[in-house]
C-alpha atoms as a PDB file:
ATOM      1  CA  MET A   1       0.000   0.000   0.000  1.00  0.00           C
ATOM      2  CA  ILE A   2       2.753   2.427   0.913  1.00  0.00           C
ATOM      3  CA  ALA A   3       4.758   1.412  -2.155  1.00  0.00           C
ATOM      4  CA  ARG A   4       1.801   2.229  -4.413  1.00  0.00           C
ATOM      5  CA  MET A   5       1.494   5.660  -2.778  1.00  0.00           C
ATOM      6  CA  ILE A   6       5.202   6.340  -3.284  1.00  0.00           C
ATOM      7  CA  TYR A   7       5.028   5.122  -6.891  1.00  0.00           C
ATOM      8  CA  ARG A   8       2.324   7.734  -7.575  1.00  0.00           C
ATOM      9  CA  LEU A   9       4.598  10.673  -6.736  1.00  0.00           C
ATOM     10  CA  PRO A  10       4.890  12.806  -9.879  1.00  0.00           C
ATOM     11  CA  LEU A  11       8.654  13.235 -10.267  1.00  0.00           C
ATOM     12  CA  PHE A  12      10.194  10.492  -8.199  1.00  0.00           C
ATOM     13  CA  GLY A  13       7.686   7.635  -8.131  1.00  0.00           C
ATOM     14  CA  TRP A  14       7.982   6.343 -11.675  1.00  0.00           C
ATOM     15  CA  MET A  15      11.786   6.291 -11.470  1.00  0.00           C
ATOM     16  CA  LEU A  16      11.668   4.399  -8.167  1.00  0.00           C
ATOM     17  CA  LYS A  17       9.153   1.881  -9.528  1.00  0.00           C
ATOM     18  CA  GLU A  18      11.277   1.312 -12.606  1.00  0.00           C
ATOM     19  CA  ALA A  19      14.347   0.819 -10.396  1.00  0.00           C
ATOM     20  CA  VAL A  20      12.545  -1.751  -8.256  1.00  0.00           C
ATOM     21  CA  VAL A  21      10.829  -3.833 -10.932  1.00  0.00           C
ATOM     22  CA  GLY A  22      12.808  -2.876 -14.025  1.00  0.00           C
ATOM     23  CA  PRO A  23      15.965  -4.256 -15.602  1.00  0.00           C
ATOM     24  CA  THR A  24      19.481  -3.821 -14.264  1.00  0.00           C
ATOM     25  CA  THR A  25      20.132  -0.775 -16.426  1.00  0.00           C
ATOM     26  CA  ALA A  26      17.206   1.015 -14.782  1.00  0.00           C
ATOM     27  CA  LYS A  27      18.742   0.380 -11.356  1.00  0.00           C
ATOM     28  CA  VAL A  28      22.119   1.701 -12.472  1.00  0.00           C
ATOM     29  CA  LEU A  29      20.585   4.778 -14.061  1.00  0.00           C
ATOM     30  CA  PHE A  30      18.532   5.440 -10.913  1.00  0.00           C
ATOM     31  CA  VAL A  31      21.659   5.426  -8.749  1.00  0.00           C
ATOM     32  CA  LEU A  32      23.425   7.623 -11.302  1.00  0.00           C
ATOM     33  CA  ASN A  33      20.512  10.093 -11.196  1.00  0.00           C
ATOM     34  CA  LEU A  34      20.679  10.221  -7.398  1.00  0.00           C
ATOM     35  CA  LEU A  35      24.407  10.951  -7.534  1.00  0.00           C
ATOM     36  CA  LEU A  36      23.919  13.673 -10.137  1.00  0.00           C
ATOM     37  CA  VAL A  37      21.166  15.314  -8.070  1.00  0.00           C
ATOM     38  CA  TRP A  38      23.519  15.267  -5.087  1.00  0.00           C
ATOM     39  CA  LEU A  39      26.257  16.840  -7.223  1.00  0.00           C
ATOM     40  CA  LEU A  40      23.853  19.580  -8.340  1.00  0.00           C
ATOM     41  CA  ALA A  41      22.931  20.206  -4.719  1.00  0.00           C
ATOM     42  CA  ILE A  42      26.627  20.540  -3.865  1.00  0.00           C
ATOM     43  CA  LEU A  43      27.098  23.021  -6.698  1.00  0.00           C
ATOM     44  CA  ALA A  44      24.027  25.008  -5.662  1.00  0.00           C
ATOM     45  CA  PHE A  45      24.367  24.963  -1.847  1.00  0.00           C
ATOM     46  CA  GLY A  46      28.020  24.130  -1.282  1.00  0.00           C
ATOM     47  CA  TYR A  47      29.352  22.605   1.901  1.00  0.00           C
ATOM     48  CA  PRO A  48      25.976  21.944   3.651  1.00  0.00           C
ATOM     49  CA  ALA A  49      24.937  19.621   0.825  1.00  0.00           C
ATOM     50  CA  ILE A  50      28.012  17.502   1.572  1.00  0.00           C
ATOM     51  CA  ILE A  51      27.597  17.503   5.349  1.00  0.00           C
ATOM     52  CA  LEU A  52      23.844  16.828   5.660  1.00  0.00           C
ATOM     53  CA  PRO A  53      23.888  13.320   4.099  1.00  0.00           C
ATOM     54  CA  ALA A  54      26.794  12.407   6.381  1.00  0.00           C
ATOM     55  CA  LEU A  55      24.880  13.646   9.413  1.00  0.00           C
ATOM     56  CA  ALA A  56      21.818  11.709   8.305  1.00  0.00           C
ATOM     57  CA  ALA A  57      23.898   8.539   7.981  1.00  0.00           C
ATOM     58  CA  VAL A  58      25.218   8.711  11.559  1.00  0.00           C
ATOM     59  CA  PRO A  59      22.131   7.198  13.259  1.00  0.00           C
ATOM     60  CA  THR A  60      21.918   4.493  10.602  1.00  0.00           C
ATOM     61  CA  MET A  61      25.526   3.478  11.074  1.00  0.00           C
ATOM     62  CA  PHE A  62      25.078   3.610  14.860  1.00  0.00           C
ATOM     63  CA  VAL A  63      22.211   1.100  14.626  1.00  0.00           C
ATOM     64  CA  ILE A  64      24.214  -1.102  12.249  1.00  0.00           C
ATOM     65  CA  LEU A  65      27.173  -1.138  14.654  1.00  0.00           C
ATOM     66  CA  ILE A  66      24.895  -2.051  17.548  1.00  0.00           C
ATOM     67  CA  LEU A  67      23.371  -4.895  15.527  1.00  0.00           C
ATOM     68  CA  ILE A  68      26.841  -6.158  14.567  1.00  0.00           C
ATOM     69  CA  THR A  69      28.085  -6.167  18.153  1.00  0.00           C
ATOM     70  CA  LYS A  70      24.849  -7.726  19.391  1.00  0.00           C
ATOM     71  CA  GLY A  71      25.555 -10.749  17.277  1.00  0.00           C
END
């Protein structure tokens, strides 16, 4: 249900659906598009566009480290 709602988003949904159910080239192009959008954000906003994804990844890595040490 949530996936169908996300797939209906105008700009992002069809690309995500194609990356999930499409061929390998669609997955590669989706990742390439994400990297290019991040590069454009770095060019437009500078240093904060580099730092914010790293700060967002900190809690995720913290949970992964806890799960690794938990066994």
